Amino acid sequence: SQQEGEGQTETIRGGSQEQELALRPADYEDDRHFFLDFYNRQQFEENMSNPQQPGQAYQLSEINVWMLRESTQSFEGERQAIALADLGVVQNADSTYALPNEAGDPFAGNLLAQYRDPSVGISAADFGVEPAGFVEGYFIPLQEGVDYELNRYLGYLSLRRNLSSRQALAISFKYLDPVTGQTVSVGDVSPGGGDRIYLKLIRPQTVTTTNKLWDLMMKNVYSTGVGNLTPEGLEADIKYNEQNVPTSSLPERNTILLQDLGLDRVDNQGALNPDNEIDFSTGTLNPSTGLIVFPYLEPFGNRIRQLLSTTSLSPDEIDNLAFSELYAERKINARQIAKNNFYLIEGVSKGGVSANYSLGFSLVEGSVNVFANGKELQEGTDYIVDYSIGSITILDEQYLSRGQEIKIEYENNQFARIEQKTFTGLRAEYEISDDIRLGSTFFKLSERPLEDKIRIGDEPVNNAVIGFDANARFDAPWLTRLIDKIPLLQTNESSSFSLSGEFAELRPGVAQTRAVNNAIDDDLLFKDKENGLTFIDD
């Protein structure tokens, strides 16, 4: 059998998308939300501390967002650029961060000017930085409202589509210094001419937990799965699983987790009176996109630790409950840790009437089928699908009216970035006689990667298992006669004895990427390299 992706079904009634919530801590939106600077990250919790009047790190006046071009195809507006992770970053002696400013970063103006000429070769060593904090290439401009959304108050951006592992994200921006009132530029905001431009790198090509830019990726944003939310359409609670008994509070805490983790701090009138419902007016929920943003950088890590520090629990007991590993490990690894099952965001979310619905990223092309009251609709006539951002638009409004039910069947590529999964199984048996049988089993699981570059922890497999087994049964009349000779013993059945044995061996293989397959097809590899080659910077 072959699996291109994970099959899912979405049901929409009366034009409203409804989704059951069952989110674990490791289900945060990965690789989509990024702080503009370490200073914005540092000030985030303080700026979110007052639910009635959120703070602002600084006032943005202009921003450009750029994505590294990964193909040889040219795009309108692209520029050759150098993106540096430390551009504009000002770190104090006590390891805190000051407002971003190129005047305080590690790069002198004459050094930057030296490499603006596109004909001059350049590397990370020329700037005295690690390769992980340096990207040079052609960057494509992104458009706000189309490719990304920007939170100007808190200083972070949210991509509307996923980046591939080859792409990088960089920015340039201007802001008003809250102390001096002067305009400060980070990167080239209004570049002219054909020279290289300088950008601030916020997402490298290869995301690793050891890269300092790992901290700029937000890990406190969760999706309810629907948009156009209303207070009546959202029911949510956060559960702590204590010895398999779900509860809404942490041990020795009187307030519920929804309040302790900052999602319920005011009532529906905005007064400081929690009402056991997620707030809609404090910046912790974006009703239009259905995104939940915890007001803490590590809601299930440091925040849990802070809450439990006021109880009588021992440090070891607190360590066992604070899921700090979630923010230090890759998401796929964090899912395997037992603490991920300690907490659950559960409930139901129902969006307002809309013609546009999100099906998630990495849709398998051609996998979407739409049915209205049992009748299959036609793509292009009744609906259209944007596979790049995972959305579907219903064109015929009659299917959005009350009483109508739309069923959407689709497939998503799995999180491990596997394009195709193939499972093969064979079983053979041979009967030598009525009493002797031989058997053999063969299983093989192979995964074809979606991308040529595979992140550590997401490696696909290509393994086979070979097994042999034998069973034999023999009559033993001599054993019957022997037992009958024993005093006081008398057998009523004939005797027999059985023998059985099994042997199995796992044979690991290599899951080849498209780059390796193309190299093999073009006869660019020696035979001994076809099953052990890694492309470092293909």
Protein backbone atom coordinates (compact mmCIF):
# COMPACT_ATOMS: atom_id res chain seq x y z
CA SER A 1 0.00 0.00 0.00
CA GLN A 2 1.08 3.59 -0.61
CA GLN A 3 0.24 6.67 1.40
CA GLU A 4 0.80 10.15 -0.05
CA GLY A 5 -0.36 11.90 3.11
CA GLU A 6 -2.72 11.71 6.02
CA GLY A 7 -6.42 11.55 5.04
CA GLN A 8 -8.77 13.93 6.84
CA THR A 9 -12.38 15.05 6.64
CA GLU A 10 -13.84 18.47 7.44
CA THR A 11 -17.59 19.12 7.84
CA ILE A 12 -19.08 22.60 7.44
CA ARG A 13 -22.72 23.25 8.36
CA GLY A 14 -24.53 26.40 7.34
CA GLY A 15 -21.32 28.00 6.12
CA SER A 16 -19.62 27.68 9.52
CA GLN A 17 -16.54 25.57 10.05
CA GLU A 18 -16.57 23.61 13.30
CA GLN A 19 -13.51 22.02 14.89
CA GLU A 20 -13.01 19.99 18.04
CA LEU A 21 -10.02 21.18 20.05
CA ALA A 22 -7.58 18.59 21.36
CA LEU A 23 -4.20 20.34 21.45
CA ARG A 24 -1.18 19.10 23.35
CA PRO A 25 1.68 21.48 24.27
CA ALA A 26 3.77 20.24 21.30
CA ASP A 27 0.97 21.13 18.87
CA TYR A 28 2.05 24.78 18.67
CA GLU A 29 2.32 26.34 15.20
CA ASP A 30 5.85 25.49 14.17
CA ASP A 31 8.07 27.67 11.97
CA ARG A 32 5.37 30.26 11.23
CA HIS A 33 5.62 33.06 13.81
CA PHE A 34 8.80 35.06 14.37
CA PHE A 35 9.89 37.97 16.54
CA LEU A 36 11.53 40.83 14.63
CA ASP A 37 14.38 41.10 17.14
CA PHE A 38 15.60 39.66 20.43
CA TYR A 39 14.49 42.90 22.08
CA ASN A 40 10.89 42.25 21.01
CA ARG A 41 11.10 38.76 22.49
CA GLN A 42 12.60 40.13 25.71
CA GLN A 43 9.79 42.69 26.12
CA PHE A 44 6.95 40.37 25.02
CA GLU A 45 5.73 39.22 28.43
CA GLU A 46 5.95 42.73 29.89
CA ASN A 47 3.99 44.17 26.97
CA MET A 48 1.33 41.47 27.44
CA SER A 49 1.18 41.81 31.23
CA ASN A 50 -1.65 44.36 31.26
CA PRO A 51 -4.68 42.79 29.54
CA GLN A 52 -6.53 46.10 29.42
CA GLN A 53 -3.71 48.07 27.79
CA PRO A 54 -1.02 46.01 26.01
CA GLY A 55 2.39 47.67 25.77
CA GLN A 56 4.48 48.40 22.70
CA ALA A 57 8.21 47.82 22.26
CA TYR A 58 8.53 50.57 19.67
CA GLN A 59 6.49 52.14 16.88
CA LEU A 60 7.21 50.60 13.49
CA SER A 61 7.06 53.06 10.62
CA GLU A 62 8.08 50.76 7.75
CA ILE A 63 9.00 47.12 7.27
CA ASN A 64 10.01 44.87 4.40
CA VAL A 65 9.93 41.08 4.64
CA TRP A 66 12.07 38.96 2.32
CA MET A 67 12.24 35.24 1.53
CA LEU A 68 15.31 33.53 0.08
CA ARG A 69 14.77 32.32 -3.47
CA GLU A 70 15.40 28.57 -3.63
CA SER A 71 15.11 28.06 -7.40
CA THR A 72 16.86 29.45 -10.44
CA GLN A 73 13.65 31.17 -11.59
CA SER A 74 13.69 34.95 -11.27
CA PHE A 75 10.92 36.86 -9.47
CA GLU A 76 9.77 40.44 -9.74
CA GLY A 77 11.36 42.72 -7.18
CA GLU A 78 14.02 40.25 -6.07
CA ARG A 79 17.33 41.58 -4.81
CA GLN A 80 20.74 40.10 -4.19
CA ALA A 81 21.24 40.40 -0.46
CA ILE A 82 23.30 39.45 2.56
CA ALA A 83 21.23 38.49 5.61
CA LEU A 84 22.94 38.59 9.01
CA ALA A 85 21.42 37.30 12.25
CA ASP A 86 23.26 39.92 14.34
CA LEU A 87 22.44 42.92 12.15
CA GLY A 88 21.06 45.62 14.44
CA VAL A 89 21.23 43.37 17.50
CA VAL A 90 22.49 45.22 20.58
CA GLN A 91 23.31 43.00 23.55
CA ASN A 92 24.20 44.53 26.90
CA ALA A 93 26.92 43.34 29.27
CA ASP A 94 24.31 41.60 31.45
CA SER A 95 23.07 39.60 28.40
CA THR A 96 19.86 41.64 28.10
CA TYR A 97 19.03 43.35 24.83
CA ALA A 98 18.66 47.02 23.96
CA LEU A 99 16.58 48.54 21.16
CA PRO A 100 17.79 47.30 17.75
CA ASN A 101 20.28 49.66 16.19
CA GLU A 102 23.02 49.12 13.63
CA ALA A 103 25.19 51.59 15.51
CA GLY A 104 25.58 49.07 18.34
CA ASP A 105 25.83 45.81 16.42
CA PRO A 106 29.11 43.98 15.63
CA PHE A 107 29.35 45.20 12.01
CA ALA A 108 31.22 48.38 11.14
CA GLY A 109 29.84 50.52 8.35
CA ASN A 110 32.97 50.26 6.21
CA LEU A 111 32.85 46.44 6.48
CA LEU A 112 29.30 46.37 5.12
CA ALA A 113 30.17 48.79 2.33
CA GLN A 114 33.10 46.59 1.27
CA TYR A 115 30.84 43.74 0.16
CA ARG A 116 27.95 45.56 -1.49
CA ASP A 117 29.47 44.89 -4.92
CA PRO A 118 27.76 41.67 -6.21
CA SER A 119 30.95 40.63 -8.00
CA VAL A 120 32.90 40.37 -4.73
CA GLY A 121 32.94 36.91 -3.17
CA ILE A 122 31.59 36.70 0.37
CA SER A 123 31.36 34.20 3.22
CA ALA A 124 30.38 34.15 6.89
CA ALA A 125 34.04 34.31 7.90
CA ASP A 126 34.37 37.73 6.23
CA PHE A 127 31.95 39.10 8.83
CA GLY A 128 33.36 37.06 11.70
CA VAL A 129 30.11 35.14 12.23
CA GLU A 130 29.07 31.50 12.22
CA PRO A 131 27.64 30.11 8.95
CA ALA A 132 24.30 29.54 10.70
CA GLY A 133 23.92 33.32 11.10
CA PHE A 134 24.72 34.22 7.50
CA VAL A 135 22.81 33.81 4.22
CA GLU A 136 23.72 35.25 0.83
CA GLY A 137 21.55 34.97 -2.25
CA TYR A 138 18.55 36.38 -4.06
CA PHE A 139 15.66 37.39 -1.82
CA ILE A 140 12.03 37.80 -2.90
CA PRO A 141 9.85 40.53 -1.30
CA LEU A 142 6.73 39.33 0.53
CA GLN A 143 3.49 41.27 0.75
CA GLU A 144 1.72 42.05 4.01
CA GLY A 145 -1.83 40.71 4.09
CA VAL A 146 -1.02 38.20 1.35
CA ASP A 147 2.09 36.36 2.50
CA TYR A 148 2.19 37.37 6.16
CA GLU A 149 0.44 39.25 8.96
CA LEU A 150 2.25 41.70 11.22
CA ASN A 151 1.64 42.52 14.87
CA ARG A 152 3.12 46.00 15.05
CA TYR A 153 2.59 46.40 18.79
CA LEU A 154 4.32 43.23 19.94
CA GLY A 155 6.82 43.08 17.09
CA TYR A 156 6.26 39.70 15.48
CA LEU A 157 5.11 38.47 12.09
CA SER A 158 3.03 35.43 11.13
CA LEU A 159 3.56 33.70 7.81
CA ARG A 160 0.55 32.53 5.87
CA ARG A 161 2.47 29.70 4.29
CA ASN A 162 5.24 27.38 5.40
CA LEU A 163 8.84 27.86 4.37
CA SER A 164 10.79 24.94 2.98
CA SER A 165 14.02 23.85 4.63
CA ARG A 166 16.01 25.58 1.86
CA GLN A 167 14.44 28.98 2.41
CA ALA A 168 15.41 31.72 4.83
CA LEU A 169 13.43 34.69 6.14
CA ALA A 170 14.89 38.17 6.55
CA ILE A 171 13.60 41.68 7.24
CA SER A 172 14.51 45.35 7.16
CA PHE A 173 12.55 47.97 9.07
CA LYS A 174 12.36 51.47 10.49
CA TYR A 175 10.98 52.52 13.86
CA LEU A 176 10.69 55.60 16.03
CA ASP A 177 13.00 55.53 19.04
CA PRO A 178 10.66 55.94 22.06
CA VAL A 179 13.34 57.97 23.90
CA THR A 180 14.74 60.29 21.25
CA GLY A 181 11.88 60.24 18.75
CA GLN A 182 14.35 59.73 15.92
CA THR A 183 13.88 57.22 13.11
CA VAL A 184 16.16 54.18 13.36
CA SER A 185 16.80 51.85 10.43
CA VAL A 186 17.80 48.20 10.60
CA GLY A 187 18.83 46.84 7.23
CA ASP A 188 18.21 48.49 3.88
CA VAL A 189 14.56 49.57 3.92
CA SER A 190 14.41 51.57 0.68
CA PRO A 191 17.23 50.14 -1.42
CA GLY A 192 18.06 51.49 -4.84
CA GLY A 193 20.55 50.54 -7.53
CA GLY A 194 21.90 47.08 -8.22
CA ASP A 195 24.24 46.57 -5.29
CA ARG A 196 23.75 43.94 -2.63
CA ILE A 197 21.45 44.99 0.18
CA TYR A 198 21.74 44.07 3.84
CA LEU A 199 18.91 42.39 5.73
CA LYS A 200 18.36 41.10 9.24
CA LEU A 201 18.09 37.30 9.27
CA ILE A 202 15.31 35.97 11.53
CA ARG A 203 14.92 32.44 10.18
CA PRO A 204 17.96 30.51 8.84
CA GLN A 205 17.91 27.91 6.11
CA THR A 206 18.44 25.11 8.59
CA VAL A 207 16.54 25.49 11.86
CA THR A 208 18.36 23.87 14.78
CA THR A 209 17.95 24.19 18.53
CA THR A 210 21.57 25.31 18.88
CA ASN A 211 21.15 28.28 16.55
CA LYS A 212 20.55 31.52 18.45
CA LEU A 213 17.70 32.30 16.02
CA TRP A 214 15.81 29.36 17.52
CA ASP A 215 14.58 31.79 20.20
CA LEU A 216 13.05 34.13 17.61
CA MET A 217 10.64 31.39 16.52
CA MET A 218 7.55 31.64 18.71
CA LYS A 219 6.42 28.46 20.42
CA ASN A 220 3.37 29.81 22.20
CA VAL A 221 0.92 30.13 19.29
CA TYR A 222 -1.81 27.53 18.76
CA SER A 223 -4.51 27.28 16.11
CA THR A 224 -8.16 26.57 16.86
CA GLY A 225 -8.53 25.38 13.26
CA VAL A 226 -11.21 27.89 12.25
CA GLY A 227 -11.47 31.61 11.56
CA ASN A 228 -14.01 34.38 12.16
CA LEU A 229 -14.50 33.26 15.76
CA THR A 230 -17.12 34.74 18.05
CA PRO A 231 -17.35 34.38 21.85
CA GLU A 232 -20.39 32.16 21.38
CA GLY A 233 -18.50 29.92 18.97
CA LEU A 234 -15.55 29.08 21.22
CA GLU A 235 -15.55 26.78 24.21
CA ALA A 236 -12.13 25.92 25.57
CA ASP A 237 -10.46 24.70 28.72
CA ILE A 238 -6.94 23.60 29.66
CA LYS A 239 -6.67 20.30 31.50
CA TYR A 240 -3.88 18.91 33.64
CA ASN A 241 -3.80 15.13 33.74
CA GLU A 242 -2.99 14.04 37.29
CA GLN A 243 -2.69 10.28 37.62
CA ASN A 244 -5.06 9.80 34.67
CA VAL A 245 -7.65 12.11 36.26
CA PRO A 246 -8.11 15.34 34.21
CA THR A 247 -8.43 18.50 36.25
CA SER A 248 -8.56 22.20 35.32
CA SER A 249 -6.01 23.24 37.96
CA LEU A 250 -2.42 22.49 38.85
CA PRO A 251 -1.64 20.76 42.17
CA GLU A 252 -2.22 23.06 45.15
CA ARG A 253 -3.54 25.83 42.86
CA ASN A 254 -7.04 27.26 43.37
CA THR A 255 -7.30 29.00 40.00
CA ILE A 256 -7.86 27.17 36.75
CA LEU A 257 -5.13 26.79 34.13
CA LEU A 258 -7.04 28.97 31.67
CA GLN A 259 -6.42 31.86 34.08
CA ASP A 260 -2.99 30.78 35.32
CA LEU A 261 -1.64 30.61 31.75
CA GLY A 262 -3.06 34.03 30.87
CA LEU A 263 -5.88 33.22 28.47
CA ASP A 264 -8.64 34.37 30.84
CA ARG A 265 -7.88 37.63 32.64
CA VAL A 266 -10.95 39.80 31.93
CA ASP A 267 -14.69 39.34 31.46
CA ASN A 268 -16.64 40.06 28.27
CA GLN A 269 -16.83 43.74 29.25
CA GLY A 270 -13.05 44.06 29.61
CA ALA A 271 -13.06 44.33 33.41
CA LEU A 272 -10.38 42.53 35.45
CA ASN A 273 -12.74 39.74 36.36
CA PRO A 274 -11.98 36.32 34.82
CA ASP A 275 -15.10 34.54 33.55
CA ASN A 276 -13.68 31.08 32.65
CA GLU A 277 -13.66 31.92 28.95
CA ILE A 278 -10.83 32.82 26.59
CA ASP A 279 -10.46 36.59 26.30
CA PHE A 280 -11.25 38.16 22.93
CA SER A 281 -9.91 41.66 23.63
CA THR A 282 -6.49 41.22 25.23
CA GLY A 283 -4.34 40.12 22.29
CA THR A 284 -4.31 36.47 23.35
CA LEU A 285 -6.77 35.50 20.63
CA ASN A 286 -7.00 36.62 17.01
CA PRO A 287 -10.68 35.97 16.14
CA SER A 288 -10.18 36.39 12.39
CA THR A 289 -7.46 33.74 12.14
CA GLY A 290 -8.43 31.62 15.14
CA LEU A 291 -4.92 31.79 16.63
CA ILE A 292 -4.37 31.58 20.39
CA VAL A 293 -1.29 33.49 21.61
CA PHE A 294 -0.28 32.77 25.20
CA PRO A 295 1.03 35.91 26.96
CA TYR A 296 4.02 33.88 28.16
CA LEU A 297 6.96 32.75 26.02
CA GLU A 298 6.96 29.31 27.65
CA PRO A 299 3.44 28.74 28.98
CA PHE A 300 4.00 25.05 29.74
CA GLY A 301 7.60 25.54 30.86
CA ASN A 302 8.73 28.59 32.84
CA ARG A 303 5.17 29.71 33.55
CA ILE A 304 4.27 26.35 35.11
CA ARG A 305 7.49 26.54 37.14
CA GLN A 306 6.61 30.06 38.38
CA LEU A 307 3.12 28.99 39.41
CA LEU A 308 4.28 25.91 41.31
CA SER A 309 7.10 27.77 43.07
CA THR A 310 4.45 29.28 45.36
CA THR A 311 3.25 25.81 46.46
CA SER A 312 4.77 23.27 48.83
CA LEU A 313 5.93 21.04 45.97
CA SER A 314 9.59 20.11 46.02
CA PRO A 315 11.98 21.26 43.25
CA ASP A 316 12.03 17.72 41.83
CA GLU A 317 8.23 17.60 41.74
CA ILE A 318 8.15 20.98 39.98
CA ASP A 319 10.73 19.77 37.45
CA ASN A 320 8.52 16.78 36.71
CA LEU A 321 5.59 19.05 35.83
CA ALA A 322 7.31 21.94 34.01
CA PHE A 323 7.62 20.99 30.33
CA SER A 324 10.82 22.99 29.71
CA GLU A 325 12.01 20.44 27.15
CA LEU A 326 9.26 21.64 24.81
CA TYR A 327 11.18 24.86 24.19
CA ALA A 328 14.64 23.30 23.90
CA GLU A 329 13.83 20.33 21.66
CA ARG A 330 12.49 20.06 18.15
CA LYS A 331 8.76 19.64 18.03
CA ILE A 332 8.88 16.08 16.73
CA ASN A 333 11.11 15.07 19.63
CA ALA A 334 9.07 16.95 22.24
CA ARG A 335 6.00 14.96 21.20
CA GLN A 336 7.71 11.78 22.43
CA ILE A 337 8.25 13.14 25.97
CA ALA A 338 5.71 12.00 28.57
CA LYS A 339 5.12 15.57 29.81
CA ASN A 340 3.39 16.32 26.51
CA ASN A 341 0.47 14.24 27.76
CA PHE A 342 0.21 16.11 31.06
CA TYR A 343 -1.67 19.04 29.49
CA LEU A 344 -4.51 19.33 26.98
CA ILE A 345 -6.30 22.30 25.43
CA GLU A 346 -9.77 20.94 24.73
CA GLY A 347 -13.09 22.29 23.55
CA VAL A 348 -14.98 23.22 20.40
CA SER A 349 -14.43 26.12 18.01
CA LYS A 350 -16.97 27.24 15.46
CA GLY A 351 -16.24 30.06 13.04
CA GLY A 352 -18.63 32.57 11.55
CA VAL A 353 -20.19 32.14 8.12
CA SER A 354 -17.47 32.34 5.50
CA ALA A 355 -16.69 31.14 2.00
CA ASN A 356 -13.00 30.55 2.82
CA TYR A 357 -11.79 27.69 4.97
CA SER A 358 -8.36 26.57 6.09
CA LEU A 359 -7.38 22.93 5.64
CA GLY A 360 -3.86 23.30 6.98
CA PHE A 361 -0.54 23.51 5.18
CA SER A 362 1.08 20.88 2.93
CA LEU A 363 -2.08 19.80 1.14
CA VAL A 364 -1.51 16.91 -1.27
CA GLU A 365 -2.26 18.28 -4.73
CA GLY A 366 -5.42 16.79 -6.23
CA SER A 367 -6.51 15.17 -2.97
CA VAL A 368 -9.43 17.53 -2.20
CA ASN A 369 -12.98 16.28 -2.81
CA VAL A 370 -16.00 18.35 -1.77
CA PHE A 371 -19.54 17.10 -1.26
CA ALA A 372 -22.67 19.17 -0.54
CA ASN A 373 -25.53 17.16 0.97
CA GLY A 374 -24.03 14.04 -0.60
CA LYS A 375 -23.53 15.57 -4.06
CA GLU A 376 -19.94 15.89 -5.29
CA LEU A 377 -18.99 19.43 -6.31
CA GLN A 378 -16.73 20.35 -9.21
CA GLU A 379 -13.38 22.04 -8.59
CA GLY A 380 -13.06 25.27 -10.53
CA THR A 381 -16.84 25.64 -10.83
CA ASP A 382 -18.19 25.19 -7.31
CA TYR A 383 -14.96 25.70 -5.38
CA ILE A 384 -11.28 26.50 -5.81
CA VAL A 385 -8.29 25.28 -3.79
CA ASP A 386 -5.09 27.16 -3.03
CA TYR A 387 -2.67 24.32 -2.29
CA SER A 388 0.18 26.69 -1.42
CA ILE A 389 -1.54 27.98 1.73
CA GLY A 390 -3.99 25.12 2.29
CA SER A 391 -7.27 26.99 1.82
CA ILE A 392 -10.49 26.30 -0.04
CA THR A 393 -13.06 28.82 -1.28
CA ILE A 394 -16.68 27.89 -1.96
CA LEU A 395 -17.82 29.80 -5.06
CA ASP A 396 -21.52 28.93 -5.06
CA GLU A 397 -23.18 30.72 -2.14
CA GLN A 398 -26.19 28.40 -2.09
CA TYR A 399 -24.04 25.82 -0.33
CA LEU A 400 -23.31 28.28 2.51
CA SER A 401 -26.92 28.86 3.53
CA ARG A 402 -28.61 27.44 6.63
CA GLY A 403 -29.35 23.73 6.45
CA GLN A 404 -26.56 22.98 3.99
CA GLU A 405 -23.79 20.53 4.92
CA ILE A 406 -20.46 20.53 3.14
CA LYS A 407 -18.07 17.61 3.55
CA ILE A 408 -14.44 18.12 2.51
CA GLU A 409 -12.13 15.15 2.11
CA TYR A 410 -8.40 15.87 1.71
CA GLU A 411 -4.89 14.70 2.51
CA ASN A 412 -2.08 16.53 4.28
CA ASN A 413 1.58 15.66 3.99
CA GLN A 414 2.70 14.48 7.40
CA PHE A 415 4.80 16.55 9.80
CA ALA A 416 7.90 14.47 9.10
CA ARG A 417 7.89 15.89 5.56
CA ILE A 418 7.34 12.48 3.95
CA GLU A 419 5.96 12.69 0.42
CA GLN A 420 5.09 9.03 -0.04
CA LYS A 421 5.01 6.09 2.33
CA THR A 422 5.00 2.54 0.92
CA PHE A 423 4.37 -0.59 2.95
CA THR A 424 4.91 -4.06 1.46
CA GLY A 425 4.18 -7.38 3.16
CA LEU A 426 4.58 -10.97 1.94
CA ARG A 427 3.92 -14.30 3.64
CA ALA A 428 4.86 -17.71 2.23
CA GLU A 429 4.34 -21.18 3.69
CA TYR A 430 5.53 -24.57 2.51
CA GLU A 431 4.15 -27.84 3.86
CA ILE A 432 6.70 -30.64 3.65
CA SER A 433 4.31 -33.10 5.21
CA ASP A 434 1.26 -33.09 7.44
CA ASP A 435 3.60 -32.72 10.40
CA ILE A 436 6.31 -30.31 9.12
CA ARG A 437 5.72 -26.76 7.88
CA LEU A 438 8.13 -23.98 6.90
CA GLY A 439 7.25 -20.31 6.64
CA SER A 440 8.83 -17.01 5.58
CA THR A 441 7.72 -13.40 6.10
CA PHE A 442 8.90 -10.20 4.43
CA PHE A 443 7.95 -6.63 5.43
CA LYS A 444 9.28 -3.38 4.00
CA LEU A 445 8.48 0.22 4.93
CA SER A 446 9.92 2.97 2.74
CA GLU A 447 9.37 6.72 2.87
CA ARG A 448 10.18 9.14 0.09
CA PRO A 449 11.16 12.58 1.44
CA LEU A 450 9.22 15.64 0.35
CA GLU A 451 12.40 17.71 0.31
CA ASP A 452 16.04 17.11 -0.53
CA LYS A 453 17.27 18.51 2.78
CA ILE A 454 16.10 16.51 5.78
CA ARG A 455 16.10 18.07 9.22
CA ILE A 456 17.71 16.15 12.07
CA GLY A 457 15.01 14.14 13.80
CA ASP A 458 12.83 13.96 10.66
CA GLU A 459 14.85 11.32 8.81
CA PRO A 460 12.76 9.01 6.61
CA VAL A 461 13.20 5.25 6.80
CA ASN A 462 13.72 2.50 4.24
CA ASN A 463 13.81 -0.67 6.32
CA ALA A 464 13.05 -4.32 5.61
CA VAL A 465 12.35 -7.22 7.97
CA ILE A 466 12.97 -10.81 6.91
CA GLY A 467 11.68 -13.66 9.04
CA PHE A 468 11.74 -17.47 8.91
CA ASP A 469 9.77 -19.92 11.01
CA ALA A 470 9.33 -23.69 11.25
CA ASN A 471 6.85 -25.95 13.01
CA ALA A 472 7.02 -29.73 13.38
CA ARG A 473 4.88 -32.29 15.19
CA PHE A 474 5.82 -35.94 15.71
CA ASP A 475 3.84 -38.87 17.13
CA ALA A 476 5.68 -40.67 19.94
CA PRO A 477 4.10 -44.07 20.64
CA TRP A 478 7.29 -45.08 22.40
CA LEU A 479 6.66 -42.34 24.92
CA THR A 480 3.16 -43.71 25.54
CA ARG A 481 4.51 -47.19 26.18
CA LEU A 482 7.21 -45.81 28.47
CA ILE A 483 4.70 -43.89 30.60
CA ASP A 484 2.39 -46.93 30.79
CA LYS A 485 5.21 -48.94 32.39
CA ILE A 486 5.31 -46.56 35.33
CA PRO A 487 3.33 -47.99 38.27
CA LEU A 488 -0.04 -46.35 38.96
CA LEU A 489 0.05 -44.41 35.63
CA GLN A 490 -2.13 -45.23 32.65
CA THR A 491 -2.39 -43.06 29.47
CA ASN A 492 -5.65 -42.60 27.53
CA GLU A 493 -4.26 -40.64 24.57
CA SER A 494 -1.37 -41.16 22.21
CA SER A 495 1.74 -39.07 22.91
CA SER A 496 3.37 -36.51 20.59
CA PHE A 497 5.82 -33.65 20.81
CA SER A 498 6.12 -30.35 18.88
CA LEU A 499 9.02 -28.15 17.86
CA SER A 500 8.82 -24.54 16.66
CA GLY A 501 11.34 -21.81 15.98
CA GLU A 502 11.48 -18.30 14.54
CA PHE A 503 14.22 -16.05 13.20
CA ALA A 504 13.89 -12.38 12.17
CA GLU A 505 16.37 -9.80 10.94
CA LEU A 506 15.99 -6.05 10.43
CA ARG A 507 17.81 -4.77 7.36
CA PRO A 508 18.04 -0.95 7.42
CA GLY A 509 18.32 0.84 4.10
CA VAL A 510 18.70 4.41 2.85
CA ALA A 511 15.72 6.57 1.87
CA GLN A 512 16.96 8.42 -1.18
CA THR A 513 15.96 12.00 -1.85
CA ARG A 514 15.10 13.39 -5.25
CA ALA A 515 18.58 14.90 -5.49
CA VAL A 516 20.20 11.47 -5.04
CA ASN A 517 17.78 9.83 -7.47
CA ASN A 518 18.51 12.48 -10.10
CA ALA A 519 22.25 12.02 -9.60
CA ILE A 520 21.87 8.25 -10.04
CA ASP A 521 19.75 8.69 -13.18
CA ASP A 522 22.35 11.05 -14.63
CA ASP A 523 25.10 8.53 -13.82
CA LEU A 524 26.90 11.03 -11.60
CA LEU A 525 27.54 8.63 -8.72
CA PHE A 526 29.67 5.56 -8.26
CA LYS A 527 27.79 2.45 -7.17
CA ASP A 528 29.29 2.49 -3.68
CA LYS A 529 28.01 6.05 -3.12
CA GLU A 530 24.37 5.44 -4.07
CA ASN A 531 23.44 4.11 -0.64
CA GLY A 532 25.38 6.36 1.66
CA LEU A 533 25.44 9.90 0.31
CA THR A 534 24.39 13.08 2.07
CA PHE A 535 24.04 16.36 0.14
CA ILE A 536 25.36 19.10 2.43
CA ASP A 537 24.45 22.20 0.45
CA ASP A 538 22.71 20.85 -2.64
